[in-house]
Amino acid sequence: MKDLTITAKQIRREFLILLVCFVIAEGVNIFSMIKYGTPWTELFTQIGFVLIITAVLYIILIALRVLIWLVKLIIDRCRK
């Protein structure tokens, strides 16, 4: 069986993607707080939902990245 090596560059890239997902989810939370006039304490009390939204966004991005990879793989095989 082959060993799997994950480089530090890959870890940093995935962490950055996850951080962007968190910022987007928190931004949606802040936008909704402003739009509906809810108290700013929701910034902390709704962190569980923000984390769930972050995870969902990250999973969607993984699915899109896999789909793009598969399309590229199919295109490369058709060219040969």
N, C-alpha and C. Protein backbone atom coordinates (compact mmCIF):
# COMPACT_ATOMS: atom_id res chain seq x y z
N MET A 1 0.84 -1.17 0.00
CA MET A 1 0.00 0.00 0.00
C MET A 1 0.89 1.25 0.00
N LYS A 2 0.46 2.25 -0.76
CA LYS A 2 1.23 3.48 -0.91
C LYS A 2 0.92 4.45 0.22
N ASP A 3 1.94 5.17 0.67
CA ASP A 3 1.73 6.21 1.68
C ASP A 3 1.17 7.46 1.02
N LEU A 4 0.34 8.15 1.75
CA LEU A 4 -0.24 9.39 1.27
C LEU A 4 0.50 10.54 1.95
N THR A 5 0.99 11.47 1.15
CA THR A 5 1.71 12.61 1.68
C THR A 5 0.92 13.88 1.40
N ILE A 6 0.65 14.63 2.45
CA ILE A 6 -0.03 15.90 2.31
C ILE A 6 0.99 16.99 2.64
N THR A 7 1.22 17.85 1.68
CA THR A 7 2.24 18.88 1.89
C THR A 7 1.69 20.03 2.72
N ALA A 8 2.60 20.81 3.26
CA ALA A 8 2.20 21.98 4.05
C ALA A 8 1.46 22.98 3.18
N LYS A 9 1.83 23.08 1.91
CA LYS A 9 1.16 23.99 0.99
C LYS A 9 -0.30 23.59 0.80
N GLN A 10 -0.57 22.30 0.68
CA GLN A 10 -1.94 21.81 0.53
C GLN A 10 -2.76 22.08 1.80
N ILE A 11 -2.14 21.89 2.95
CA ILE A 11 -2.84 22.14 4.22
C ILE A 11 -3.19 23.61 4.34
N ARG A 12 -2.24 24.50 4.00
CA ARG A 12 -2.51 25.94 4.05
C ARG A 12 -3.63 26.33 3.09
N ARG A 13 -3.62 25.76 1.88
CA ARG A 13 -4.67 26.06 0.89
C ARG A 13 -6.05 25.63 1.41
N GLU A 14 -6.14 24.44 1.97
CA GLU A 14 -7.42 23.96 2.48
C GLU A 14 -7.88 24.78 3.68
N PHE A 15 -6.95 25.18 4.54
CA PHE A 15 -7.30 26.02 5.68
C PHE A 15 -7.81 27.38 5.21
N LEU A 16 -7.18 27.94 4.18
CA LEU A 16 -7.61 29.22 3.63
C LEU A 16 -9.01 29.11 3.02
N ILE A 17 -9.27 28.02 2.31
CA ILE A 17 -10.60 27.80 1.74
C ILE A 17 -11.64 27.69 2.85
N LEU A 18 -11.32 26.95 3.91
CA LEU A 18 -12.24 26.81 5.04
C LEU A 18 -12.45 28.15 5.73
N LEU A 19 -11.40 28.94 5.86
CA LEU A 19 -11.52 30.26 6.46
C LEU A 19 -12.41 31.18 5.63
N VAL A 20 -12.28 31.12 4.32
CA VAL A 20 -13.14 31.92 3.45
C VAL A 20 -14.59 31.49 3.60
N CYS A 21 -14.84 30.18 3.69
CA CYS A 21 -16.21 29.69 3.91
C CYS A 21 -16.76 30.23 5.23
N PHE A 22 -15.94 30.26 6.28
CA PHE A 22 -16.38 30.78 7.57
C PHE A 22 -16.69 32.27 7.48
N VAL A 23 -15.85 33.02 6.79
CA VAL A 23 -16.07 34.47 6.64
C VAL A 23 -17.37 34.72 5.86
N ILE A 24 -17.62 33.94 4.83
CA ILE A 24 -18.86 34.09 4.07
C ILE A 24 -20.06 33.79 4.95
N ALA A 25 -20.00 32.69 5.72
CA ALA A 25 -21.12 32.33 6.59
C ALA A 25 -21.34 33.39 7.67
N GLU A 26 -20.28 33.91 8.23
CA GLU A 26 -20.40 34.96 9.25
C GLU A 26 -20.92 36.24 8.61
N GLY A 27 -20.50 36.52 7.39
CA GLY A 27 -21.02 37.69 6.67
C GLY A 27 -22.52 37.59 6.43
N VAL A 28 -22.99 36.41 6.08
CA VAL A 28 -24.43 36.21 5.91
C VAL A 28 -25.14 36.42 7.24
N ASN A 29 -24.54 35.95 8.31
CA ASN A 29 -25.12 36.14 9.65
C ASN A 29 -25.21 37.63 9.99
N ILE A 30 -24.17 38.37 9.74
CA ILE A 30 -24.16 39.80 10.03
C ILE A 30 -25.18 40.52 9.15
N PHE A 31 -25.24 40.15 7.87
CA PHE A 31 -26.21 40.76 6.97
C PHE A 31 -27.64 40.53 7.47
N SER A 32 -27.93 39.31 7.90
CA SER A 32 -29.28 39.02 8.38
C SER A 32 -29.58 39.75 9.69
N MET A 33 -28.58 39.92 10.54
CA MET A 33 -28.78 40.67 11.78
C MET A 33 -29.11 42.12 11.47
N ILE A 34 -28.44 42.70 10.49
CA ILE A 34 -28.71 44.09 10.12
C ILE A 34 -30.08 44.21 9.46
N LYS A 35 -30.37 43.29 8.54
CA LYS A 35 -31.62 43.36 7.79
C LYS A 35 -32.84 43.20 8.70
N TYR A 36 -32.78 42.26 9.64
CA TYR A 36 -33.93 41.99 10.49
C TYR A 36 -33.88 42.70 11.84
N GLY A 37 -32.84 43.48 12.07
CA GLY A 37 -32.74 44.29 13.29
C GLY A 37 -32.63 43.48 14.56
N THR A 38 -31.97 42.35 14.50
CA THR A 38 -31.79 41.52 15.69
C THR A 38 -30.58 42.01 16.49
N PRO A 39 -30.52 41.65 17.76
CA PRO A 39 -29.39 42.13 18.59
C PRO A 39 -28.05 41.52 18.15
N TRP A 40 -27.00 42.28 18.41
CA TRP A 40 -25.66 41.85 18.01
C TRP A 40 -25.14 40.67 18.82
N THR A 41 -25.84 40.30 19.87
CA THR A 41 -25.42 39.12 20.62
C THR A 41 -25.56 37.85 19.79
N GLU A 42 -26.37 37.92 18.73
CA GLU A 42 -26.51 36.77 17.84
C GLU A 42 -25.22 36.44 17.11
N LEU A 43 -24.32 37.39 17.09
CA LEU A 43 -23.02 37.13 16.47
C LEU A 43 -22.33 35.97 17.17
N PHE A 44 -22.54 35.84 18.47
CA PHE A 44 -21.92 34.77 19.25
C PHE A 44 -22.88 33.62 19.52
N THR A 45 -24.15 33.93 19.73
CA THR A 45 -25.10 32.88 20.09
C THR A 45 -25.45 31.98 18.90
N GLN A 46 -25.28 32.47 17.70
CA GLN A 46 -25.60 31.68 16.51
C GLN A 46 -24.36 31.05 15.87
N ILE A 47 -23.27 30.96 16.62
CA ILE A 47 -22.02 30.43 16.06
C ILE A 47 -22.17 28.98 15.61
N GLY A 48 -23.03 28.22 16.28
CA GLY A 48 -23.26 26.84 15.87
C GLY A 48 -23.81 26.75 14.46
N PHE A 49 -24.79 27.61 14.17
CA PHE A 49 -25.35 27.64 12.83
C PHE A 49 -24.33 28.13 11.81
N VAL A 50 -23.53 29.08 12.21
CA VAL A 50 -22.48 29.59 11.31
C VAL A 50 -21.49 28.47 10.99
N LEU A 51 -21.14 27.67 11.97
CA LEU A 51 -20.21 26.56 11.72
C LEU A 51 -20.84 25.50 10.82
N ILE A 52 -22.14 25.25 10.99
CA ILE A 52 -22.83 24.29 10.12
C ILE A 52 -22.86 24.81 8.69
N ILE A 53 -23.17 26.09 8.52
CA ILE A 53 -23.17 26.69 7.18
C ILE A 53 -21.77 26.65 6.57
N THR A 54 -20.76 26.88 7.40
CA THR A 54 -19.37 26.80 6.93
C THR A 54 -19.07 25.41 6.41
N ALA A 55 -19.48 24.39 7.16
CA ALA A 55 -19.23 23.00 6.74
C ALA A 55 -19.97 22.68 5.45
N VAL A 56 -21.21 23.15 5.33
CA VAL A 56 -21.98 22.89 4.11
C VAL A 56 -21.32 23.57 2.91
N LEU A 57 -20.89 24.81 3.08
CA LEU A 57 -20.20 25.51 1.99
C LEU A 57 -18.92 24.78 1.59
N TYR A 58 -18.17 24.30 2.57
CA TYR A 58 -16.92 23.60 2.31
C TYR A 58 -17.18 22.29 1.56
N ILE A 59 -18.22 21.57 1.96
CA ILE A 59 -18.57 20.32 1.29
C ILE A 59 -19.02 20.59 -0.15
N ILE A 60 -19.79 21.65 -0.35
CA ILE A 60 -20.21 22.02 -1.71
C ILE A 60 -18.99 22.35 -2.56
N LEU A 61 -18.03 23.08 -1.99
CA LEU A 61 -16.81 23.41 -2.73
C LEU A 61 -16.00 22.17 -3.07
N ILE A 62 -15.93 21.22 -2.14
CA ILE A 62 -15.23 19.97 -2.42
C ILE A 62 -15.90 19.24 -3.58
N ALA A 63 -17.24 19.18 -3.56
CA ALA A 63 -17.97 18.52 -4.63
C ALA A 63 -17.71 19.20 -5.97
N LEU A 64 -17.71 20.53 -5.99
CA LEU A 64 -17.43 21.26 -7.23
C LEU A 64 -16.00 21.01 -7.72
N ARG A 65 -15.06 20.97 -6.79
CA ARG A 65 -13.67 20.73 -7.17
C ARG A 65 -13.49 19.33 -7.74
N VAL A 66 -14.17 18.34 -7.15
CA VAL A 66 -14.10 16.97 -7.67
C VAL A 66 -14.75 16.90 -9.05
N LEU A 67 -15.88 17.58 -9.22
CA LEU A 67 -16.56 17.60 -10.52
C LEU A 67 -15.67 18.22 -11.60
N ILE A 68 -15.03 19.33 -11.27
CA ILE A 68 -14.12 19.98 -12.23
C ILE A 68 -12.96 19.06 -12.55
N TRP A 69 -12.42 18.37 -11.55
CA TRP A 69 -11.32 17.44 -11.76
C TRP A 69 -11.74 16.30 -12.69
N LEU A 70 -12.96 15.78 -12.49
CA LEU A 70 -13.45 14.70 -13.34
C LEU A 70 -13.65 15.17 -14.78
N VAL A 71 -14.19 16.36 -14.95
CA VAL A 71 -14.38 16.89 -16.30
C VAL A 71 -13.03 17.06 -16.99
N LYS A 72 -12.05 17.60 -16.29
CA LYS A 72 -10.71 17.74 -16.87
C LYS A 72 -10.12 16.38 -17.23
N LEU A 73 -10.32 15.40 -16.38
CA LEU A 73 -9.82 14.05 -16.64
C LEU A 73 -10.46 13.47 -17.89
N ILE A 74 -11.76 13.64 -18.03
CA ILE A 74 -12.47 13.13 -19.21
C ILE A 74 -12.00 13.84 -20.46
N ILE A 75 -11.84 15.15 -20.40
CA ILE A 75 -11.37 15.91 -21.56
C ILE A 75 -9.97 15.48 -21.96
N ASP A 76 -9.09 15.28 -20.98
CA ASP A 76 -7.74 14.84 -21.29
C ASP A 76 -7.73 13.45 -21.93
N ARG A 77 -8.57 12.58 -21.46
CA ARG A 77 -8.63 11.22 -22.04
C ARG A 77 -9.20 11.23 -23.45
N CYS A 78 -10.14 12.13 -23.71
CA CYS A 78 -10.72 12.22 -25.05
C CYS A 78 -9.73 12.78 -26.05
N ARG A 79 -8.81 13.61 -25.62
CA ARG A 79 -7.81 14.20 -26.52
C ARG A 79 -6.77 13.20 -26.95
N LYS A 80 -6.55 12.18 -26.15
CA LYS A 80 -5.48 11.20 -26.46
C LYS A 80 -5.93 10.19 -27.47
